[in-house]
Amino acid sequence: MNRQIVSTTNAPSPVGPYSQAVVAGDLVFVAGQIALDPETGKLVDGGTAAEAPRVLANLAAILDAAGCSMADVVKTTVYLVDLMDGPTVTAAYTKAFPAPYPARATVQVSALPAGARIEIEAIAHRTPR
């Protein structure tokens, strides 16, 4: 299988041995994104209310570099340190994704990298180039 690695400076650089996204056939697998500012590499301040829009902007930038958009996302997995932050995340999520919304799983975790409160990974479908 031919795989294409996606990389953009408009989203945070990976902090480990992984790619921002990988294109395999007509699917784009976007690595989990936390609310790192791509310019500073630092976690944005303000808790989940500030982190959720930054995470979604990072996903959008990576998808753009892969030749697709948030409208092409078919599945997301949302990781939250506290499920009580769900309504805050949903408010940002519905602004970032057009209807019909992608399938979604939400999982509570004990901790995330850099002290983040939220992480989202995505799978998108794109027309092959």
N, C-alpha and C. Protein backbone atom coordinates (compact mmCIF):
# COMPACT_ATOMS: atom_id res chain seq x y z
N MET A 1 0.84 -1.17 0.00
CA MET A 1 0.00 0.00 0.00
C MET A 1 0.89 1.24 0.00
N ASN A 2 0.51 2.18 -0.81
CA ASN A 2 1.22 3.45 -0.88
C ASN A 2 0.69 4.38 0.21
N ARG A 3 1.60 4.89 1.04
CA ARG A 3 1.21 5.83 2.10
C ARG A 3 1.89 7.16 1.85
N GLN A 4 1.16 8.22 2.11
CA GLN A 4 1.69 9.58 1.98
C GLN A 4 1.66 10.22 3.36
N ILE A 5 2.78 10.77 3.77
CA ILE A 5 2.87 11.46 5.05
C ILE A 5 2.46 12.92 4.86
N VAL A 6 1.65 13.43 5.75
CA VAL A 6 1.18 14.81 5.70
C VAL A 6 1.89 15.60 6.78
N SER A 7 2.37 16.78 6.40
CA SER A 7 3.05 17.65 7.35
C SER A 7 2.76 19.10 7.01
N THR A 8 2.49 19.89 8.04
CA THR A 8 2.25 21.32 7.85
C THR A 8 2.78 22.10 9.04
N THR A 9 3.27 23.28 8.77
CA THR A 9 3.70 24.15 9.86
C THR A 9 2.52 24.91 10.47
N ASN A 10 1.32 24.76 9.88
CA ASN A 10 0.12 25.42 10.40
C ASN A 10 -0.52 24.67 11.56
N ALA A 11 0.10 23.56 11.94
CA ALA A 11 -0.34 22.78 13.11
C ALA A 11 0.92 22.40 13.87
N PRO A 12 0.78 22.03 15.13
CA PRO A 12 1.96 21.70 15.94
C PRO A 12 2.76 20.54 15.35
N SER A 13 4.07 20.63 15.47
CA SER A 13 4.94 19.54 15.06
C SER A 13 4.74 18.37 16.01
N PRO A 14 4.87 17.16 15.51
CA PRO A 14 4.75 15.99 16.40
C PRO A 14 5.79 16.07 17.52
N VAL A 15 5.38 15.63 18.71
CA VAL A 15 6.29 15.64 19.86
C VAL A 15 6.85 14.24 20.12
N GLY A 16 6.68 13.36 19.16
CA GLY A 16 7.19 12.00 19.28
C GLY A 16 7.34 11.38 17.91
N PRO A 17 7.56 10.07 17.86
CA PRO A 17 7.78 9.39 16.59
C PRO A 17 6.46 9.05 15.87
N TYR A 18 5.78 10.08 15.41
CA TYR A 18 4.55 9.88 14.64
C TYR A 18 4.40 11.02 13.64
N SER A 19 3.50 10.85 12.70
CA SER A 19 3.22 11.85 11.67
C SER A 19 1.96 12.62 12.04
N GLN A 20 1.85 13.85 11.55
CA GLN A 20 0.62 14.61 11.78
C GLN A 20 -0.56 13.87 11.18
N ALA A 21 -0.35 13.31 10.00
CA ALA A 21 -1.39 12.51 9.35
C ALA A 21 -0.73 11.60 8.33
N VAL A 22 -1.46 10.55 8.00
CA VAL A 22 -1.02 9.60 6.97
C VAL A 22 -2.20 9.39 6.03
N VAL A 23 -1.93 9.49 4.74
CA VAL A 23 -2.94 9.19 3.73
C VAL A 23 -2.68 7.77 3.25
N ALA A 24 -3.71 6.95 3.32
CA ALA A 24 -3.63 5.57 2.84
C ALA A 24 -4.84 5.35 1.94
N GLY A 25 -4.58 5.26 0.65
CA GLY A 25 -5.69 5.16 -0.30
C GLY A 25 -6.50 6.44 -0.27
N ASP A 26 -7.79 6.30 -0.03
CA ASP A 26 -8.65 7.49 0.01
C ASP A 26 -9.00 7.90 1.43
N LEU A 27 -8.25 7.36 2.42
CA LEU A 27 -8.47 7.72 3.81
C LEU A 27 -7.31 8.54 4.36
N VAL A 28 -7.64 9.50 5.20
CA VAL A 28 -6.66 10.34 5.88
C VAL A 28 -6.81 10.08 7.37
N PHE A 29 -5.73 9.62 8.00
CA PHE A 29 -5.72 9.34 9.42
C PHE A 29 -4.94 10.45 10.11
N VAL A 30 -5.64 11.29 10.86
CA VAL A 30 -5.02 12.42 11.54
C VAL A 30 -4.70 12.02 12.98
N ALA A 31 -3.44 12.20 13.35
CA ALA A 31 -3.01 11.89 14.71
C ALA A 31 -3.76 12.75 15.71
N GLY A 32 -3.89 12.24 16.92
CA GLY A 32 -4.54 12.99 17.98
C GLY A 32 -3.88 14.35 18.17
N GLN A 33 -4.72 15.37 18.25
CA GLN A 33 -4.24 16.74 18.40
C GLN A 33 -4.67 17.28 19.76
N ILE A 34 -3.73 17.93 20.43
CA ILE A 34 -4.06 18.67 21.63
C ILE A 34 -3.94 20.15 21.30
N ALA A 35 -4.20 20.99 22.25
CA ALA A 35 -4.30 22.44 22.00
C ALA A 35 -2.95 23.14 22.05
N LEU A 36 -1.99 22.63 21.31
CA LEU A 36 -0.70 23.31 21.20
C LEU A 36 -0.80 24.40 20.14
N ASP A 37 -0.32 25.57 20.47
CA ASP A 37 -0.24 26.67 19.50
C ASP A 37 0.89 26.32 18.54
N PRO A 38 0.62 26.27 17.22
CA PRO A 38 1.67 25.88 16.28
C PRO A 38 2.87 26.84 16.24
N GLU A 39 2.66 28.09 16.61
CA GLU A 39 3.76 29.07 16.60
C GLU A 39 4.67 28.95 17.82
N THR A 40 4.07 28.69 18.97
CA THR A 40 4.86 28.66 20.20
C THR A 40 5.17 27.25 20.69
N GLY A 41 4.35 26.29 20.26
CA GLY A 41 4.51 24.93 20.74
C GLY A 41 3.99 24.74 22.15
N LYS A 42 3.34 25.77 22.70
CA LYS A 42 2.84 25.73 24.07
C LYS A 42 1.33 25.46 24.07
N LEU A 43 0.86 24.82 25.15
CA LEU A 43 -0.55 24.59 25.34
C LEU A 43 -1.25 25.93 25.59
N VAL A 44 -2.38 26.15 24.92
CA VAL A 44 -3.12 27.39 25.12
C VAL A 44 -3.69 27.42 26.54
N ASP A 45 -3.80 28.60 27.09
CA ASP A 45 -4.37 28.78 28.43
C ASP A 45 -5.88 28.91 28.33
N GLY A 46 -6.56 28.52 29.39
CA GLY A 46 -7.99 28.75 29.46
C GLY A 46 -8.84 27.50 29.58
N GLY A 47 -8.21 26.36 29.82
CA GLY A 47 -8.96 25.13 30.00
C GLY A 47 -9.65 24.66 28.74
N THR A 48 -10.62 23.79 28.92
CA THR A 48 -11.29 23.15 27.78
C THR A 48 -11.95 24.16 26.85
N ALA A 49 -12.50 25.23 27.37
CA ALA A 49 -13.17 26.23 26.54
C ALA A 49 -12.21 26.86 25.53
N ALA A 50 -10.96 27.04 25.89
CA ALA A 50 -9.95 27.58 24.98
C ALA A 50 -9.28 26.47 24.18
N GLU A 51 -9.13 25.30 24.80
CA GLU A 51 -8.43 24.21 24.13
C GLU A 51 -9.21 23.61 22.97
N ALA A 52 -10.52 23.43 23.13
CA ALA A 52 -11.30 22.77 22.09
C ALA A 52 -11.20 23.47 20.73
N PRO A 53 -11.40 24.79 20.64
CA PRO A 53 -11.27 25.45 19.33
C PRO A 53 -9.85 25.33 18.74
N ARG A 54 -8.82 25.36 19.58
CA ARG A 54 -7.44 25.23 19.10
C ARG A 54 -7.20 23.82 18.54
N VAL A 55 -7.70 22.82 19.25
CA VAL A 55 -7.57 21.43 18.78
C VAL A 55 -8.24 21.30 17.41
N LEU A 56 -9.44 21.83 17.28
CA LEU A 56 -10.17 21.73 16.02
C LEU A 56 -9.49 22.52 14.91
N ALA A 57 -8.89 23.65 15.23
CA ALA A 57 -8.12 24.42 14.23
C ALA A 57 -6.89 23.64 13.78
N ASN A 58 -6.24 22.95 14.72
CA ASN A 58 -5.08 22.12 14.36
C ASN A 58 -5.51 20.99 13.42
N LEU A 59 -6.63 20.34 13.74
CA LEU A 59 -7.14 19.29 12.85
C LEU A 59 -7.44 19.85 11.46
N ALA A 60 -8.09 21.00 11.40
CA ALA A 60 -8.44 21.61 10.11
C ALA A 60 -7.19 21.92 9.30
N ALA A 61 -6.14 22.41 9.94
CA ALA A 61 -4.90 22.74 9.22
C ALA A 61 -4.25 21.49 8.64
N ILE A 62 -4.27 20.42 9.39
CA ILE A 62 -3.68 19.17 8.90
C ILE A 62 -4.53 18.59 7.76
N LEU A 63 -5.83 18.63 7.91
CA LEU A 63 -6.71 18.16 6.84
C LEU A 63 -6.51 18.97 5.58
N ASP A 64 -6.37 20.28 5.72
CA ASP A 64 -6.11 21.14 4.56
C ASP A 64 -4.81 20.72 3.87
N ALA A 65 -3.78 20.44 4.64
CA ALA A 65 -2.51 20.01 4.05
C ALA A 65 -2.64 18.66 3.35
N ALA A 66 -3.63 17.87 3.77
CA ALA A 66 -3.87 16.57 3.14
C ALA A 66 -4.81 16.67 1.94
N GLY A 67 -5.29 17.87 1.67
CA GLY A 67 -6.16 18.07 0.52
C GLY A 67 -7.63 17.81 0.80
N CYS A 68 -8.02 17.95 2.05
CA CYS A 68 -9.44 17.80 2.37
C CYS A 68 -9.82 18.79 3.47
N SER A 69 -11.02 18.65 4.00
CA SER A 69 -11.51 19.62 4.97
C SER A 69 -12.27 18.91 6.09
N MET A 70 -12.76 19.68 7.02
CA MET A 70 -13.55 19.13 8.12
C MET A 70 -14.81 18.44 7.59
N ALA A 71 -15.33 18.87 6.45
CA ALA A 71 -16.51 18.25 5.85
C ALA A 71 -16.22 16.83 5.38
N ASP A 72 -14.96 16.49 5.20
CA ASP A 72 -14.58 15.15 4.75
C ASP A 72 -14.36 14.16 5.89
N VAL A 73 -14.42 14.65 7.13
CA VAL A 73 -14.18 13.78 8.28
C VAL A 73 -15.38 12.84 8.46
N VAL A 74 -15.07 11.55 8.60
CA VAL A 74 -16.13 10.55 8.78
C VAL A 74 -16.18 10.01 10.20
N LYS A 75 -15.08 10.15 10.97
CA LYS A 75 -15.02 9.60 12.33
C LYS A 75 -14.04 10.39 13.17
N THR A 76 -14.43 10.69 14.39
CA THR A 76 -13.51 11.29 15.34
C THR A 76 -13.53 10.49 16.64
N THR A 77 -12.44 10.58 17.36
CA THR A 77 -12.39 10.10 18.72
C THR A 77 -11.94 11.26 19.58
N VAL A 78 -12.74 11.58 20.59
CA VAL A 78 -12.48 12.70 21.49
C VAL A 78 -12.06 12.11 22.83
N TYR A 79 -10.91 12.54 23.32
CA TYR A 79 -10.42 12.11 24.62
C TYR A 79 -10.53 13.31 25.58
N LEU A 80 -11.21 13.10 26.69
CA LEU A 80 -11.40 14.16 27.68
C LEU A 80 -10.90 13.70 29.04
N VAL A 81 -10.26 14.60 29.75
CA VAL A 81 -9.86 14.32 31.12
C VAL A 81 -11.10 14.30 32.02
N ASP A 82 -12.12 15.08 31.66
CA ASP A 82 -13.35 15.14 32.45
C ASP A 82 -14.55 15.16 31.50
N LEU A 83 -15.37 14.12 31.55
CA LEU A 83 -16.54 14.06 30.68
C LEU A 83 -17.53 15.19 30.93
N MET A 84 -17.43 15.85 32.07
CA MET A 84 -18.30 17.00 32.34
C MET A 84 -17.98 18.16 31.38
N ASP A 85 -16.84 18.10 30.69
CA ASP A 85 -16.49 19.12 29.70
C ASP A 85 -17.17 18.86 28.36
N GLY A 86 -17.96 17.79 28.27
CA GLY A 86 -18.63 17.43 27.02
C GLY A 86 -19.43 18.55 26.38
N PRO A 87 -20.28 19.25 27.12
CA PRO A 87 -21.05 20.34 26.49
C PRO A 87 -20.15 21.45 25.92
N THR A 88 -19.07 21.76 26.59
CA THR A 88 -18.14 22.79 26.10
C THR A 88 -17.51 22.33 24.79
N VAL A 89 -17.11 21.08 24.74
CA VAL A 89 -16.52 20.52 23.52
C VAL A 89 -17.55 20.48 22.40
N THR A 90 -18.76 20.06 22.71
CA THR A 90 -19.80 19.98 21.69
C THR A 90 -20.09 21.34 21.09
N ALA A 91 -20.06 22.39 21.88
CA ALA A 91 -20.29 23.74 21.36
C ALA A 91 -19.24 24.11 20.31
N ALA A 92 -17.97 23.82 20.60
CA ALA A 92 -16.91 24.11 19.63
C ALA A 92 -16.99 23.16 18.44
N TYR A 93 -17.31 21.92 18.69
CA TYR A 93 -17.37 20.87 17.67
C TYR A 93 -18.42 21.22 16.61
N THR A 94 -19.60 21.66 17.06
CA THR A 94 -20.66 21.97 16.10
C THR A 94 -20.36 23.22 15.27
N LYS A 95 -19.47 24.07 15.75
CA LYS A 95 -19.03 25.22 14.95
C LYS A 95 -17.98 24.81 13.93
N ALA A 96 -17.18 23.80 14.25
CA ALA A 96 -16.06 23.40 13.39
C ALA A 96 -16.46 22.43 12.29
N PHE A 97 -17.45 21.58 12.57
CA PHE A 97 -17.88 20.56 11.61
C PHE A 97 -19.23 20.92 11.03
N PRO A 98 -19.37 20.80 9.71
CA PRO A 98 -20.68 21.01 9.12
C PRO A 98 -21.54 19.75 9.30
N ALA A 99 -22.85 19.92 9.33
CA ALA A 99 -23.75 18.78 9.35
C ALA A 99 -23.79 18.18 7.93
N PRO A 100 -23.94 16.90 7.80
CA PRO A 100 -24.08 15.91 8.86
C PRO A 100 -22.74 15.67 9.54
N TYR A 101 -22.79 15.56 10.85
CA TYR A 101 -21.57 15.43 11.65
C TYR A 101 -20.95 14.05 11.51
N PRO A 102 -19.62 13.98 11.70
CA PRO A 102 -18.97 12.67 11.63
C PRO A 102 -19.40 11.77 12.80
N ALA A 103 -19.22 10.47 12.61
CA ALA A 103 -19.40 9.56 13.73
C ALA A 103 -18.37 9.95 14.79
N ARG A 104 -18.70 9.68 16.06
CA ARG A 104 -17.81 10.16 17.12
C ARG A 104 -17.88 9.23 18.32
N ALA A 105 -16.72 9.03 18.91
CA ALA A 105 -16.63 8.35 20.20
C ALA A 105 -15.97 9.33 21.16
N THR A 106 -16.43 9.33 22.40
CA THR A 106 -15.83 10.18 23.43
C THR A 106 -15.41 9.29 24.59
N VAL A 107 -14.17 9.45 25.01
CA VAL A 107 -13.58 8.60 26.03
C VAL A 107 -12.99 9.47 27.12
N GLN A 108 -13.26 9.13 28.37
CA GLN A 108 -12.60 9.83 29.48
C GLN A 108 -11.28 9.13 29.76
N VAL A 109 -10.22 9.94 29.92
CA VAL A 109 -8.88 9.42 30.20
C VAL A 109 -8.36 10.08 31.48
N SER A 110 -7.36 9.45 32.08
CA SER A 110 -6.84 10.00 33.34
C SER A 110 -5.91 11.19 33.11
N ALA A 111 -5.24 11.24 31.97
CA ALA A 111 -4.32 12.34 31.68
C ALA A 111 -4.04 12.38 30.18
N LEU A 112 -3.60 13.56 29.73
CA LEU A 112 -3.21 13.76 28.33
C LEU A 112 -1.86 14.47 28.31
N PRO A 113 -1.15 14.42 27.18
CA PRO A 113 0.16 15.07 27.10
C PRO A 113 0.08 16.56 27.43
N ALA A 114 1.13 17.08 28.03
CA ALA A 114 1.31 18.51 28.32
C ALA A 114 0.24 19.08 29.25
N GLY A 115 -0.50 18.22 29.94
CA GLY A 115 -1.55 18.71 30.82
C GLY A 115 -2.82 19.12 30.09
N ALA A 116 -2.95 18.72 28.83
CA ALA A 116 -4.13 19.06 28.04
C ALA A 116 -5.38 18.46 28.66
N ARG A 117 -6.51 19.09 28.40
CA ARG A 117 -7.81 18.61 28.88
C ARG A 117 -8.57 17.86 27.79
N ILE A 118 -8.14 18.02 26.52
CA ILE A 118 -8.84 17.42 25.39
C ILE A 118 -7.84 17.03 24.30
N GLU A 119 -8.13 15.94 23.63
CA GLU A 119 -7.39 15.50 22.44
C GLU A 119 -8.41 14.92 21.47
N ILE A 120 -8.23 15.21 20.19
CA ILE A 120 -9.13 14.67 19.17
C ILE A 120 -8.29 14.10 18.03
N GLU A 121 -8.66 12.89 17.59
CA GLU A 121 -8.08 12.30 16.38
C GLU A 121 -9.21 12.15 15.37
N ALA A 122 -8.85 12.05 14.08
CA ALA A 122 -9.88 12.01 13.05
C ALA A 122 -9.48 11.11 11.89
N ILE A 123 -10.51 10.60 11.23
CA ILE A 123 -10.35 9.87 9.97
C ILE A 123 -11.21 10.59 8.96
N ALA A 124 -10.62 10.92 7.81
CA ALA A 124 -11.36 11.61 6.76
C ALA A 124 -11.29 10.79 5.47
N HIS A 125 -12.25 11.02 4.61
CA HIS A 125 -12.28 10.38 3.30
C HIS A 125 -12.05 11.48 2.26
N ARG A 126 -11.13 11.22 1.36
CA ARG A 126 -10.88 12.22 0.31
C ARG A 126 -10.85 11.53 -1.04
N THR A 127 -11.11 12.32 -2.06
CA THR A 127 -11.01 11.81 -3.41
C THR A 127 -9.53 11.67 -3.75
N PRO A 128 -9.10 10.48 -4.20
CA PRO A 128 -7.67 10.31 -4.52
C PRO A 128 -7.21 11.32 -5.56
N ARG A 129 -5.96 11.76 -5.40
CA ARG A 129 -5.40 12.74 -6.35
C ARG A 129 -4.91 12.05 -7.58
